[in-house]
């Protein structure tokens, strides 16, 4: 049974100087089964991240539809959903892991993860316990938990981002290079956690350059070039 269906998705960016339109992705079509994992590979600049950002609605698509079978609203077109609906879906159902981290400067690492659970209605005690467990799992040193993340290294920020997204156990997870800046031991932790989430029903789409990491994880892989999937 499908949880996501993308049809004829396109995204262009308009430049004012010089005046021109840049087509980032076009005519993207695919579907994702419940509990399935789709991998997207391709050269840098092929448009992979644009596809994920359109689904998450960081970008407003230029055309096409992104139909998602949500728990909150039933089938909804993410390309046309209003901001209230998108905020609710991000809070309760859709997770996004980026290799970049943008956190409020007055939010500590542990607060960042804990707040993700509190926003979903988790009680204080459970949120405290689960955030500590997830930070420990991803081997973020405990002496960093009460520090603001803007002082972290790239690898530490990515591990925090993984903990923040995965502690919520979302229905749909979008992963944009989730293993960038990570050592091999941490990559294995990420892969194990993704397999656990998948086993519990989380549906996922991930962008990867590490083809070895994808083995045994992805059910289907799409190769992207110049804004389109290769057939």
N, C-alpha and C. Protein backbone atom coordinates (compact mmCIF):
# COMPACT_ATOMS: atom_id res chain seq x y z
N UNK A 1 0.84 -1.19 0.00
CA UNK A 1 0.00 0.00 0.00
C UNK A 1 0.89 1.25 0.00
N UNK A 2 0.56 2.21 -0.83
CA UNK A 2 1.36 3.42 -0.97
C UNK A 2 1.13 4.39 0.18
N UNK A 3 2.21 5.09 0.56
CA UNK A 3 2.09 6.18 1.51
C UNK A 3 2.41 7.52 0.83
N UNK A 4 3.13 7.44 -0.32
CA UNK A 4 3.51 8.66 -1.04
C UNK A 4 3.49 8.40 -2.53
N UNK A 5 2.92 9.35 -3.29
CA UNK A 5 2.89 9.22 -4.75
C UNK A 5 3.27 10.58 -5.36
N UNK A 6 4.39 10.61 -6.06
CA UNK A 6 4.88 11.84 -6.70
C UNK A 6 4.64 11.74 -8.20
N UNK A 7 3.98 12.74 -8.77
CA UNK A 7 3.66 12.71 -10.19
C UNK A 7 4.05 14.02 -10.86
N UNK A 8 4.90 13.90 -11.88
CA UNK A 8 5.31 15.04 -12.73
C UNK A 8 5.84 16.23 -11.91
N UNK A 9 6.57 15.93 -10.85
CA UNK A 9 7.12 16.99 -10.00
C UNK A 9 8.19 17.77 -10.76
N UNK A 10 8.10 19.10 -10.67
CA UNK A 10 9.12 19.95 -11.27
C UNK A 10 9.39 21.14 -10.36
N UNK A 11 10.62 21.64 -10.43
CA UNK A 11 11.00 22.83 -9.66
C UNK A 11 12.00 23.65 -10.46
N UNK A 12 11.66 24.91 -10.69
CA UNK A 12 12.56 25.84 -11.39
C UNK A 12 12.86 27.02 -10.47
N UNK A 13 14.02 27.61 -10.67
CA UNK A 13 14.41 28.80 -9.92
C UNK A 13 14.59 29.95 -10.90
N UNK A 14 14.00 31.09 -10.57
CA UNK A 14 14.08 32.26 -11.44
C UNK A 14 15.21 33.18 -10.99
N UNK A 15 16.14 33.45 -11.90
CA UNK A 15 17.24 34.37 -11.62
C UNK A 15 16.91 35.72 -12.24
N UNK A 16 17.22 36.78 -11.52
CA UNK A 16 16.91 38.13 -12.00
C UNK A 16 18.10 38.78 -12.73
N UNK A 17 19.31 38.34 -12.39
CA UNK A 17 20.47 38.96 -13.04
C UNK A 17 21.58 37.91 -13.22
N UNK A 18 21.72 37.35 -14.43
CA UNK A 18 20.91 37.63 -15.63
C UNK A 18 19.54 36.95 -15.50
N UNK A 19 18.58 37.43 -16.26
CA UNK A 19 17.22 36.87 -16.21
C UNK A 19 17.20 35.51 -16.90
N UNK A 20 16.91 34.49 -16.12
CA UNK A 20 16.82 33.14 -16.69
C UNK A 20 16.16 32.23 -15.67
N UNK A 21 15.61 31.13 -16.15
CA UNK A 21 15.03 30.11 -15.29
C UNK A 21 15.93 28.89 -15.28
N UNK A 22 16.23 28.40 -14.08
CA UNK A 22 17.04 27.20 -13.92
C UNK A 22 16.13 26.05 -13.53
N UNK A 23 16.09 25.00 -14.34
CA UNK A 23 15.28 23.83 -14.04
C UNK A 23 16.10 22.88 -13.16
N UNK A 24 15.67 22.75 -11.91
CA UNK A 24 16.40 21.89 -10.97
C UNK A 24 15.95 20.44 -11.07
N UNK A 25 14.63 20.23 -11.18
CA UNK A 25 14.13 18.87 -11.43
C UNK A 25 12.87 18.98 -12.27
N UNK A 26 12.58 17.94 -13.04
CA UNK A 26 11.42 17.97 -13.93
C UNK A 26 10.90 16.57 -14.19
N UNK A 27 9.58 16.46 -14.27
CA UNK A 27 8.90 15.21 -14.61
C UNK A 27 9.31 14.04 -13.71
N UNK A 28 9.41 14.32 -12.41
CA UNK A 28 9.77 13.28 -11.45
C UNK A 28 8.51 12.50 -11.06
N UNK A 29 8.55 11.20 -11.24
CA UNK A 29 7.42 10.35 -10.89
C UNK A 29 7.92 9.11 -10.15
N UNK A 30 7.36 8.84 -8.98
CA UNK A 30 7.65 7.60 -8.26
C UNK A 30 6.64 7.45 -7.13
N UNK A 31 6.55 6.25 -6.59
CA UNK A 31 5.68 6.01 -5.44
C UNK A 31 6.48 5.26 -4.38
N UNK A 32 6.09 5.46 -3.13
CA UNK A 32 6.76 4.84 -1.99
C UNK A 32 5.75 4.01 -1.21
N UNK A 33 6.08 2.75 -0.99
CA UNK A 33 5.20 1.87 -0.24
C UNK A 33 5.38 2.11 1.27
N UNK A 34 4.36 1.79 2.04
CA UNK A 34 4.47 1.89 3.49
C UNK A 34 5.60 1.00 4.00
N UNK A 35 6.48 1.56 4.80
CA UNK A 35 7.61 0.80 5.33
C UNK A 35 8.71 0.56 4.31
N UNK A 36 8.60 1.17 3.13
CA UNK A 36 9.61 1.01 2.09
C UNK A 36 10.72 2.03 2.20
N UNK A 37 11.80 1.79 1.46
CA UNK A 37 12.95 2.69 1.47
C UNK A 37 13.42 2.88 0.03
N UNK A 38 13.33 4.12 -0.45
CA UNK A 38 13.81 4.47 -1.79
C UNK A 38 15.10 5.26 -1.66
N UNK A 39 16.12 4.85 -2.42
CA UNK A 39 17.38 5.59 -2.47
C UNK A 39 17.46 6.38 -3.77
N UNK A 40 18.06 7.57 -3.69
CA UNK A 40 18.28 8.40 -4.88
C UNK A 40 19.77 8.69 -4.99
N UNK A 41 20.35 8.35 -6.12
CA UNK A 41 21.78 8.57 -6.34
C UNK A 41 21.95 9.45 -7.57
N UNK A 42 23.15 9.97 -7.75
CA UNK A 42 23.45 10.81 -8.90
C UNK A 42 24.54 11.81 -8.57
N UNK A 43 25.07 12.45 -9.59
CA UNK A 43 26.13 13.42 -9.40
C UNK A 43 25.63 14.65 -8.66
N UNK A 44 26.54 15.38 -8.05
CA UNK A 44 26.19 16.64 -7.39
C UNK A 44 25.58 17.59 -8.41
N UNK A 45 24.50 18.27 -8.01
CA UNK A 45 23.83 19.20 -8.91
C UNK A 45 22.78 18.57 -9.78
N UNK A 46 22.52 17.26 -9.60
CA UNK A 46 21.54 16.58 -10.44
C UNK A 46 20.11 16.91 -10.06
N UNK A 47 19.91 17.48 -8.86
CA UNK A 47 18.56 17.84 -8.43
C UNK A 47 18.00 16.97 -7.33
N UNK A 48 18.84 16.12 -6.75
CA UNK A 48 18.37 15.16 -5.73
C UNK A 48 17.79 15.86 -4.50
N UNK A 49 18.55 16.80 -3.96
CA UNK A 49 18.08 17.50 -2.75
C UNK A 49 16.82 18.31 -3.03
N UNK A 50 16.68 18.81 -4.24
CA UNK A 50 15.48 19.57 -4.59
C UNK A 50 14.24 18.71 -4.46
N UNK A 51 14.33 17.45 -4.87
CA UNK A 51 13.18 16.54 -4.76
C UNK A 51 12.77 16.40 -3.29
N UNK A 52 13.74 16.16 -2.41
CA UNK A 52 13.42 16.01 -0.99
C UNK A 52 12.84 17.30 -0.41
N UNK A 53 13.42 18.43 -0.79
CA UNK A 53 12.96 19.71 -0.24
C UNK A 53 11.56 20.07 -0.74
N UNK A 54 11.21 19.61 -1.92
CA UNK A 54 9.84 19.82 -2.40
C UNK A 54 8.86 18.96 -1.59
N UNK A 55 9.26 17.73 -1.29
CA UNK A 55 8.39 16.86 -0.49
C UNK A 55 8.21 17.44 0.91
N UNK A 56 9.30 17.94 1.49
CA UNK A 56 9.25 18.52 2.84
C UNK A 56 8.64 19.92 2.82
N UNK A 57 8.55 20.47 1.63
CA UNK A 57 8.01 21.80 1.36
C UNK A 57 8.91 22.94 1.83
N UNK A 58 10.23 22.66 1.91
CA UNK A 58 11.19 23.75 2.04
C UNK A 58 11.16 24.56 0.75
N UNK A 59 10.91 23.87 -0.38
CA UNK A 59 10.71 24.50 -1.68
C UNK A 59 9.26 24.30 -2.09
N UNK A 60 8.68 25.31 -2.68
CA UNK A 60 7.35 25.18 -3.26
C UNK A 60 7.50 24.67 -4.70
N UNK A 61 6.97 23.50 -5.02
CA UNK A 61 7.13 22.96 -6.37
C UNK A 61 6.57 23.89 -7.44
N UNK A 62 7.17 23.85 -8.62
CA UNK A 62 6.67 24.64 -9.75
C UNK A 62 5.53 23.93 -10.47
N UNK A 63 5.48 22.61 -10.34
CA UNK A 63 4.44 21.84 -11.00
C UNK A 63 4.38 20.43 -10.46
N UNK A 64 3.29 19.73 -10.77
CA UNK A 64 3.15 18.35 -10.35
C UNK A 64 2.45 18.22 -9.00
N UNK A 65 2.35 16.99 -8.53
CA UNK A 65 1.68 16.72 -7.26
C UNK A 65 2.54 15.80 -6.39
N UNK A 66 2.37 15.93 -5.07
CA UNK A 66 3.07 15.09 -4.09
C UNK A 66 2.01 14.62 -3.11
N UNK A 67 1.37 13.52 -3.40
CA UNK A 67 0.25 13.06 -2.58
C UNK A 67 0.76 12.14 -1.47
N UNK A 68 0.42 12.52 -0.24
CA UNK A 68 0.88 11.80 0.96
C UNK A 68 -0.32 11.35 1.78
N UNK A 69 -0.32 10.08 2.18
CA UNK A 69 -1.41 9.53 2.97
C UNK A 69 -1.13 9.79 4.45
N UNK A 70 -1.57 10.94 4.93
CA UNK A 70 -1.25 11.36 6.29
C UNK A 70 -2.23 10.78 7.30
N UNK A 71 -1.75 10.69 8.53
CA UNK A 71 -2.61 10.27 9.62
C UNK A 71 -3.57 11.40 10.02
N UNK A 72 -3.10 12.64 9.87
CA UNK A 72 -3.86 13.80 10.34
C UNK A 72 -4.94 14.25 9.36
N UNK A 73 -4.63 14.21 8.05
CA UNK A 73 -5.54 14.80 7.06
C UNK A 73 -5.99 13.83 5.97
N UNK A 74 -5.58 12.57 6.05
CA UNK A 74 -5.84 11.64 4.96
C UNK A 74 -4.92 11.97 3.79
N UNK A 75 -5.33 11.62 2.57
CA UNK A 75 -4.51 11.92 1.40
C UNK A 75 -4.46 13.44 1.20
N UNK A 76 -3.25 13.99 1.13
CA UNK A 76 -3.08 15.43 0.98
C UNK A 76 -1.96 15.70 -0.02
N UNK A 77 -2.15 16.71 -0.86
CA UNK A 77 -1.14 17.09 -1.84
C UNK A 77 -0.18 18.08 -1.17
N UNK A 78 1.03 17.61 -0.88
CA UNK A 78 2.00 18.46 -0.19
C UNK A 78 2.41 19.66 -1.04
N UNK A 79 2.23 19.57 -2.35
CA UNK A 79 2.58 20.69 -3.22
C UNK A 79 1.59 21.85 -3.07
N UNK A 80 0.40 21.56 -2.54
CA UNK A 80 -0.63 22.58 -2.44
C UNK A 80 -1.12 22.80 -1.00
N UNK A 81 -0.63 22.02 -0.05
CA UNK A 81 -1.07 22.15 1.34
C UNK A 81 -0.73 23.53 1.89
N UNK A 82 -1.57 24.02 2.81
CA UNK A 82 -1.29 25.33 3.39
C UNK A 82 -0.25 25.20 4.51
N UNK A 83 0.25 26.34 5.00
CA UNK A 83 1.34 26.34 5.97
C UNK A 83 0.93 25.65 7.28
N UNK A 84 -0.31 25.83 7.70
CA UNK A 84 -0.77 25.18 8.93
C UNK A 84 -0.67 23.66 8.81
N UNK A 85 -1.07 23.13 7.67
CA UNK A 85 -1.01 21.68 7.45
C UNK A 85 0.43 21.20 7.39
N UNK A 86 1.30 21.95 6.71
CA UNK A 86 2.70 21.55 6.60
C UNK A 86 3.38 21.55 7.96
N UNK A 87 3.13 22.57 8.77
CA UNK A 87 3.73 22.64 10.11
C UNK A 87 3.29 21.44 10.95
N UNK A 88 2.01 21.10 10.88
CA UNK A 88 1.50 19.96 11.64
C UNK A 88 2.13 18.65 11.18
N UNK A 89 2.28 18.48 9.87
CA UNK A 89 2.87 17.25 9.35
C UNK A 89 4.34 17.13 9.74
N UNK A 90 5.07 18.24 9.71
CA UNK A 90 6.46 18.21 10.13
C UNK A 90 6.59 17.89 11.62
N UNK A 91 5.67 18.38 12.40
CA UNK A 91 5.74 18.16 13.85
C UNK A 91 5.44 16.72 14.21
N UNK A 92 4.43 16.12 13.55
CA UNK A 92 3.93 14.82 13.99
C UNK A 92 4.26 13.65 13.07
N UNK A 93 4.55 13.91 11.78
CA UNK A 93 4.61 12.77 10.86
C UNK A 93 5.86 12.70 9.97
N UNK A 94 6.38 13.83 9.54
CA UNK A 94 7.45 13.82 8.53
C UNK A 94 8.74 14.36 9.12
N UNK A 95 9.80 13.54 9.05
CA UNK A 95 11.11 13.95 9.55
C UNK A 95 12.06 14.24 8.41
N UNK A 96 13.03 15.10 8.67
CA UNK A 96 14.00 15.48 7.64
C UNK A 96 15.38 15.55 8.28
N UNK A 97 16.33 14.83 7.70
CA UNK A 97 17.70 14.85 8.19
C UNK A 97 18.58 15.47 7.12
N UNK A 98 19.22 16.58 7.46
CA UNK A 98 20.14 17.25 6.55
C UNK A 98 21.55 17.18 7.14
N UNK A 99 22.54 17.29 6.26
CA UNK A 99 23.92 17.34 6.74
C UNK A 99 24.22 18.69 7.37
N UNK A 100 23.28 19.63 7.25
CA UNK A 100 23.44 20.95 7.86
C UNK A 100 22.46 21.08 9.02
N UNK A 101 22.82 21.87 10.04
CA UNK A 101 22.01 22.01 11.23
C UNK A 101 21.73 23.47 11.51
N UNK A 102 20.47 23.78 11.71
CA UNK A 102 20.08 25.14 12.03
C UNK A 102 19.23 25.11 13.29
N UNK A 103 19.83 25.49 14.42
CA UNK A 103 19.13 25.43 15.69
C UNK A 103 19.14 26.81 16.33
N UNK A 104 18.11 27.09 17.13
CA UNK A 104 18.10 28.35 17.86
C UNK A 104 19.34 28.44 18.74
N UNK A 105 20.05 29.56 18.73
CA UNK A 105 21.33 29.66 19.44
C UNK A 105 21.21 29.46 20.95
N UNK A 106 20.02 29.65 21.52
CA UNK A 106 19.86 29.48 22.97
C UNK A 106 19.27 28.11 23.33
N UNK A 107 19.32 27.18 22.38
CA UNK A 107 18.84 25.82 22.61
C UNK A 107 20.02 24.87 22.72
N UNK A 108 20.16 24.16 23.83
CA UNK A 108 21.26 23.22 23.98
C UNK A 108 20.96 21.96 23.18
N UNK A 109 21.98 21.12 23.04
CA UNK A 109 21.83 19.90 22.25
C UNK A 109 20.71 19.01 22.81
N UNK A 110 20.72 18.80 24.13
CA UNK A 110 19.70 17.93 24.72
C UNK A 110 18.31 18.55 24.61
N UNK A 111 18.22 19.87 24.81
CA UNK A 111 16.93 20.54 24.68
C UNK A 111 16.38 20.40 23.26
N UNK A 112 17.27 20.45 22.28
CA UNK A 112 16.86 20.33 20.88
C UNK A 112 16.17 19.00 20.62
N UNK A 113 16.75 17.92 21.14
CA UNK A 113 16.17 16.58 20.95
C UNK A 113 14.92 16.41 21.82
N UNK A 114 15.01 16.85 23.05
CA UNK A 114 13.88 16.72 23.99
C UNK A 114 12.66 17.50 23.51
N UNK A 115 12.88 18.69 22.98
CA UNK A 115 11.77 19.53 22.51
C UNK A 115 11.01 18.87 21.36
N UNK A 116 11.72 18.06 20.55
CA UNK A 116 11.04 17.37 19.46
C UNK A 116 9.96 16.45 19.99
N UNK A 117 10.23 15.80 21.14
CA UNK A 117 9.24 14.91 21.75
C UNK A 117 8.14 15.68 22.48
N UNK A 118 8.53 16.75 23.16
CA UNK A 118 7.54 17.55 23.89
C UNK A 118 6.53 18.15 22.93
N UNK A 119 6.98 18.57 21.74
CA UNK A 119 6.08 19.14 20.73
C UNK A 119 5.04 18.13 20.28
N UNK A 120 5.39 16.84 20.36
CA UNK A 120 4.47 15.79 19.94
C UNK A 120 3.52 15.38 21.06
N UNK A 121 3.71 15.97 22.25
CA UNK A 121 2.82 15.66 23.36
C UNK A 121 3.39 14.66 24.35
N UNK A 122 4.66 14.28 24.20
CA UNK A 122 5.31 13.38 25.14
C UNK A 122 5.44 14.06 26.48
N UNK A 123 5.29 13.28 27.58
CA UNK A 123 5.43 13.90 28.89
C UNK A 123 6.90 14.17 29.21
N UNK A 124 7.13 15.07 30.14
CA UNK A 124 8.47 15.57 30.45
C UNK A 124 9.45 14.45 30.82
N UNK A 125 9.02 13.55 31.67
CA UNK A 125 9.91 12.48 32.15
C UNK A 125 10.33 11.55 31.02
N UNK A 126 9.36 11.15 30.20
CA UNK A 126 9.66 10.26 29.08
C UNK A 126 10.54 10.95 28.06
N UNK A 127 10.27 12.24 27.77
CA UNK A 127 11.08 12.99 26.82
C UNK A 127 12.51 13.13 27.30
N UNK A 128 12.69 13.33 28.61
CA UNK A 128 14.03 13.43 29.19
C UNK A 128 14.79 12.12 28.99
N UNK A 129 14.13 11.01 29.27
CA UNK A 129 14.78 9.70 29.16
C UNK A 129 15.11 9.35 27.71
N UNK A 130 14.14 9.54 26.81
CA UNK A 130 14.33 9.14 25.42
C UNK A 130 15.36 10.02 24.71
N UNK A 131 15.40 11.29 25.03
CA UNK A 131 16.40 12.17 24.40
C UNK A 131 17.80 11.78 24.84
N UNK A 132 17.97 11.42 26.12
CA UNK A 132 19.28 10.98 26.62
C UNK A 132 19.69 9.67 25.95
N UNK A 133 18.74 8.77 25.78
CA UNK A 133 19.04 7.48 25.15
C UNK A 133 19.48 7.67 23.70
N UNK A 134 18.80 8.57 22.97
CA UNK A 134 19.13 8.77 21.56
C UNK A 134 20.48 9.48 21.41
N UNK A 135 20.77 10.45 22.24
CA UNK A 135 22.07 11.12 22.19
C UNK A 135 23.19 10.15 22.51
N UNK A 136 22.96 9.27 23.48
CA UNK A 136 23.96 8.27 23.83
C UNK A 136 24.15 7.28 22.68
N UNK A 137 23.04 6.89 22.05
CA UNK A 137 23.11 5.94 20.94
C UNK A 137 24.01 6.46 19.82
N UNK A 138 23.88 7.74 19.50
CA UNK A 138 24.68 8.32 18.43
C UNK A 138 26.03 8.85 18.92
N UNK A 139 26.37 8.47 20.15
CA UNK A 139 27.71 8.74 20.71
C UNK A 139 28.07 10.22 20.71
N UNK A 140 27.09 11.05 20.99
CA UNK A 140 27.40 12.46 21.22
C UNK A 140 27.83 12.57 22.68
N UNK A 141 29.07 12.97 22.96
CA UNK A 141 29.60 12.99 24.33
C UNK A 141 28.68 13.75 25.28
N UNK A 142 28.49 13.20 26.47
CA UNK A 142 27.56 13.78 27.44
C UNK A 142 27.96 15.20 27.84
N UNK A 143 29.27 15.48 27.77
CA UNK A 143 29.70 16.84 28.16
C UNK A 143 29.29 17.89 27.13
N UNK A 144 28.71 17.45 26.00
CA UNK A 144 28.22 18.39 24.99
C UNK A 144 26.70 18.61 25.07
N UNK A 145 26.01 17.82 25.87
CA UNK A 145 24.56 17.85 25.89
C UNK A 145 24.00 19.21 26.32
N UNK A 146 24.69 19.89 27.20
CA UNK A 146 24.20 21.17 27.72
C UNK A 146 24.91 22.36 27.08
N UNK A 147 25.45 22.13 25.88
CA UNK A 147 26.18 23.17 25.15
C UNK A 147 25.38 23.53 23.90
N UNK A 148 25.50 24.78 23.47
CA UNK A 148 24.82 25.23 22.26
C UNK A 148 25.50 24.63 21.03
N UNK A 149 24.72 24.07 20.09
CA UNK A 149 25.28 23.34 18.94
C UNK A 149 26.10 24.18 17.96
N UNK A 150 26.00 25.52 18.03
CA UNK A 150 26.77 26.32 17.07
C UNK A 150 28.27 26.21 17.29
N UNK A 151 28.68 25.55 18.40
CA UNK A 151 30.11 25.32 18.66
C UNK A 151 30.56 23.94 18.19
N UNK A 152 29.62 23.11 17.69
CA UNK A 152 29.93 21.72 17.36
C UNK A 152 30.68 21.61 16.03
N UNK A 153 31.39 20.49 15.89
CA UNK A 153 32.00 20.15 14.61
C UNK A 153 30.91 19.67 13.66
N UNK A 154 31.26 19.51 12.37
CA UNK A 154 30.29 19.04 11.39
C UNK A 154 29.73 17.68 11.74
N UNK A 155 30.59 16.76 12.17
CA UNK A 155 30.14 15.42 12.53
C UNK A 155 29.24 15.42 13.74
N UNK A 156 29.56 16.26 14.74
CA UNK A 156 28.74 16.36 15.94
C UNK A 156 27.36 16.94 15.62
N UNK A 157 27.35 17.93 14.74
CA UNK A 157 26.06 18.53 14.34
C UNK A 157 25.19 17.51 13.61
N UNK A 158 25.80 16.71 12.75
CA UNK A 158 25.02 15.73 12.00
C UNK A 158 24.47 14.66 12.94
N UNK A 159 25.27 14.22 13.91
CA UNK A 159 24.77 13.23 14.87
C UNK A 159 23.61 13.79 15.69
N UNK A 160 23.69 15.07 16.04
CA UNK A 160 22.59 15.71 16.75
C UNK A 160 21.35 15.79 15.87
N UNK A 161 21.55 16.11 14.61
CA UNK A 161 20.43 16.19 13.68
C UNK A 161 19.76 14.83 13.52
N UNK A 162 20.54 13.77 13.46
CA UNK A 162 20.00 12.42 13.37
C UNK A 162 19.20 12.09 14.62
N UNK A 163 19.74 12.42 15.79
CA UNK A 163 19.04 12.14 17.05
C UNK A 163 17.72 12.90 17.11
N UNK A 164 17.73 14.15 16.69
CA UNK A 164 16.53 14.99 16.73
C UNK A 164 15.42 14.43 15.83
N UNK A 165 15.80 13.98 14.64
CA UNK A 165 14.80 13.47 13.69
C UNK A 165 14.31 12.08 14.07
N UNK A 166 15.22 11.20 14.49
CA UNK A 166 14.86 9.80 14.69
C UNK A 166 14.18 9.54 16.02
N UNK A 167 14.40 10.41 17.01
CA UNK A 167 13.76 10.19 18.31
C UNK A 167 12.23 10.26 18.16
N UNK A 168 11.73 10.95 17.13
CA UNK A 168 10.29 11.09 16.92
C UNK A 168 9.68 9.87 16.21
N UNK A 169 10.52 9.03 15.64
CA UNK A 169 10.06 7.86 14.89
C UNK A 169 8.94 8.24 13.92
N UNK A 170 9.26 9.10 12.95
CA UNK A 170 8.22 9.63 12.05
C UNK A 170 7.67 8.57 11.11
N UNK A 171 6.51 8.85 10.54
CA UNK A 171 5.91 7.94 9.55
C UNK A 171 6.67 8.02 8.24
N UNK A 172 7.18 9.21 7.89
CA UNK A 172 7.93 9.41 6.65
C UNK A 172 9.22 10.13 6.99
N UNK A 173 10.35 9.57 6.59
CA UNK A 173 11.66 10.16 6.89
C UNK A 173 12.36 10.50 5.58
N UNK A 174 12.85 11.74 5.48
CA UNK A 174 13.61 12.20 4.32
C UNK A 174 15.05 12.42 4.76
N UNK A 175 15.99 11.80 4.05
CA UNK A 175 17.39 11.80 4.45
C UNK A 175 18.27 12.37 3.35
N UNK A 176 18.88 13.51 3.62
CA UNK A 176 19.75 14.16 2.64
C UNK A 176 21.20 13.98 3.07
N UNK A 177 21.86 12.98 2.52
CA UNK A 177 23.24 12.64 2.87
C UNK A 177 23.40 12.43 4.38
N UNK A 178 22.69 11.44 4.95
CA UNK A 178 22.71 11.26 6.40
C UNK A 178 24.02 10.73 6.96
N UNK A 179 24.95 10.33 6.09
CA UNK A 179 26.23 9.80 6.60
C UNK A 179 27.40 10.72 6.30
N UNK A 180 27.16 11.91 5.75
CA UNK A 180 28.25 12.85 5.48
C UNK A 180 28.90 13.25 6.80
N UNK A 181 30.21 13.37 6.81
CA UNK A 181 31.00 13.81 7.97
C UNK A 181 31.03 12.79 9.10
N UNK A 182 30.57 11.55 8.86
CA UNK A 182 30.56 10.55 9.91
C UNK A 182 31.65 9.51 9.71
N UNK A 183 32.21 9.00 10.81
CA UNK A 183 33.19 7.91 10.73
C UNK A 183 32.45 6.60 10.50
N UNK A 184 33.20 5.56 10.18
CA UNK A 184 32.58 4.28 9.81
C UNK A 184 31.76 3.67 10.94
N UNK A 185 32.21 3.80 12.19
CA UNK A 185 31.47 3.23 13.31
C UNK A 185 30.12 3.91 13.48
N UNK A 186 30.10 5.23 13.32
CA UNK A 186 28.83 5.95 13.45
C UNK A 186 27.92 5.64 12.27
N UNK A 187 28.49 5.44 11.07
CA UNK A 187 27.68 5.05 9.92
C UNK A 187 26.93 3.75 10.19
N UNK A 188 27.59 2.81 10.85
CA UNK A 188 26.93 1.54 11.18
C UNK A 188 25.78 1.75 12.15
N UNK A 189 25.96 2.69 13.11
CA UNK A 189 24.89 3.02 14.04
C UNK A 189 23.69 3.61 13.30
N UNK A 190 23.97 4.50 12.34
CA UNK A 190 22.91 5.11 11.55
C UNK A 190 22.16 4.04 10.76
N UNK A 191 22.91 3.15 10.12
CA UNK A 191 22.27 2.11 9.31
C UNK A 191 21.40 1.20 10.19
N UNK A 192 21.91 0.84 11.36
CA UNK A 192 21.15 -0.02 12.27
C UNK A 192 19.87 0.67 12.72
N UNK A 193 19.95 1.97 13.04
CA UNK A 193 18.76 2.70 13.47
C UNK A 193 17.74 2.81 12.33
N UNK A 194 18.23 3.04 11.11
CA UNK A 194 17.32 3.12 9.97
C UNK A 194 16.61 1.79 9.74
N UNK A 195 17.33 0.70 9.91
CA UNK A 195 16.72 -0.62 9.75
C UNK A 195 15.68 -0.86 10.85
N UNK A 196 15.97 -0.39 12.06
CA UNK A 196 15.00 -0.52 13.15
C UNK A 196 13.72 0.26 12.85
N UNK A 197 13.91 1.51 12.41
CA UNK A 197 12.75 2.34 12.09
C UNK A 197 11.94 1.74 10.95
N UNK A 198 12.66 1.26 9.95
CA UNK A 198 11.98 0.63 8.82
C UNK A 198 11.19 -0.59 9.28
N UNK A 199 11.78 -1.37 10.18
CA UNK A 199 11.09 -2.55 10.70
C UNK A 199 9.84 -2.21 11.48
N UNK A 200 9.78 -0.97 12.02
CA UNK A 200 8.61 -0.54 12.78
C UNK A 200 7.63 0.26 11.92
N UNK A 201 7.93 0.32 10.60
CA UNK A 201 6.95 0.90 9.69
C UNK A 201 7.26 2.27 9.14
N UNK A 202 8.40 2.88 9.50
CA UNK A 202 8.74 4.18 8.93
C UNK A 202 9.08 4.03 7.45
N UNK A 203 8.51 4.88 6.62
CA UNK A 203 8.80 4.89 5.19
C UNK A 203 9.87 5.95 4.94
N UNK A 204 10.84 5.67 4.05
CA UNK A 204 11.99 6.56 3.91
C UNK A 204 12.41 6.79 2.46
N UNK A 205 12.93 8.00 2.23
CA UNK A 205 13.58 8.34 0.97
C UNK A 205 14.93 8.94 1.34
N UNK A 206 16.00 8.43 0.75
CA UNK A 206 17.33 8.91 1.13
C UNK A 206 18.22 9.19 -0.07
N UNK A 207 19.02 10.24 0.06
CA UNK A 207 20.05 10.59 -0.93
C UNK A 207 21.39 10.08 -0.41
N UNK A 208 22.11 9.36 -1.26
CA UNK A 208 23.37 8.78 -0.82
C UNK A 208 24.44 8.89 -1.91
N UNK A 209 25.67 9.08 -1.47
CA UNK A 209 26.83 8.89 -2.35
C UNK A 209 27.56 7.60 -1.98
N UNK A 210 27.32 7.13 -0.75
CA UNK A 210 27.96 5.91 -0.25
C UNK A 210 27.11 4.70 -0.68
N UNK A 211 27.46 4.11 -1.81
CA UNK A 211 26.67 3.00 -2.35
C UNK A 211 26.74 1.77 -1.46
N UNK A 212 27.88 1.56 -0.79
CA UNK A 212 28.01 0.40 0.11
C UNK A 212 27.03 0.52 1.28
N UNK A 213 26.83 1.75 1.76
CA UNK A 213 25.90 1.99 2.87
C UNK A 213 24.48 1.58 2.48
N UNK A 214 24.12 1.73 1.23
CA UNK A 214 22.76 1.47 0.76
C UNK A 214 22.42 -0.01 0.71
N UNK A 215 23.44 -0.87 0.65
CA UNK A 215 23.20 -2.31 0.48
C UNK A 215 22.40 -2.85 1.67
N UNK A 216 21.33 -3.57 1.37
CA UNK A 216 20.50 -4.16 2.41
C UNK A 216 19.54 -3.19 3.06
N UNK A 217 19.56 -1.93 2.59
CA UNK A 217 18.72 -0.89 3.20
C UNK A 217 17.61 -0.45 2.25
N UNK A 218 17.97 -0.17 1.01
CA UNK A 218 17.00 0.37 0.04
C UNK A 218 16.28 -0.75 -0.70
N UNK A 219 14.98 -0.56 -0.89
CA UNK A 219 14.18 -1.51 -1.67
C UNK A 219 14.26 -1.18 -3.15
N UNK A 220 14.47 0.11 -3.46
CA UNK A 220 14.54 0.56 -4.84
C UNK A 220 15.48 1.75 -4.90
N UNK A 221 16.24 1.86 -6.00
CA UNK A 221 17.18 2.97 -6.16
C UNK A 221 16.90 3.67 -7.49
N UNK A 222 16.77 5.01 -7.45
CA UNK A 222 16.60 5.81 -8.65
C UNK A 222 17.89 6.59 -8.92
N UNK A 223 18.35 6.52 -10.16
CA UNK A 223 19.54 7.26 -10.56
C UNK A 223 19.08 8.55 -11.23
N UNK A 224 19.57 9.69 -10.73
CA UNK A 224 19.11 10.98 -11.21
C UNK A 224 20.21 11.69 -11.98
N UNK A 225 19.83 12.31 -13.08
CA UNK A 225 20.78 13.06 -13.91
C UNK A 225 20.09 14.26 -14.53
N UNK A 226 20.67 15.43 -14.36
CA UNK A 226 20.16 16.66 -14.97
C UNK A 226 18.68 16.88 -14.68
N UNK A 227 18.28 16.64 -13.43
CA UNK A 227 16.94 16.95 -13.01
C UNK A 227 15.89 15.88 -13.24
N UNK A 228 16.28 14.75 -13.82
CA UNK A 228 15.30 13.69 -14.11
C UNK A 228 15.85 12.34 -13.67
N UNK A 229 14.94 11.39 -13.45
CA UNK A 229 15.35 10.03 -13.15
C UNK A 229 15.74 9.34 -14.45
N UNK A 230 16.86 8.60 -14.41
CA UNK A 230 17.28 7.83 -15.57
C UNK A 230 16.47 6.54 -15.63
N UNK A 231 16.05 6.16 -16.82
CA UNK A 231 15.26 4.94 -17.00
C UNK A 231 16.17 3.76 -17.28
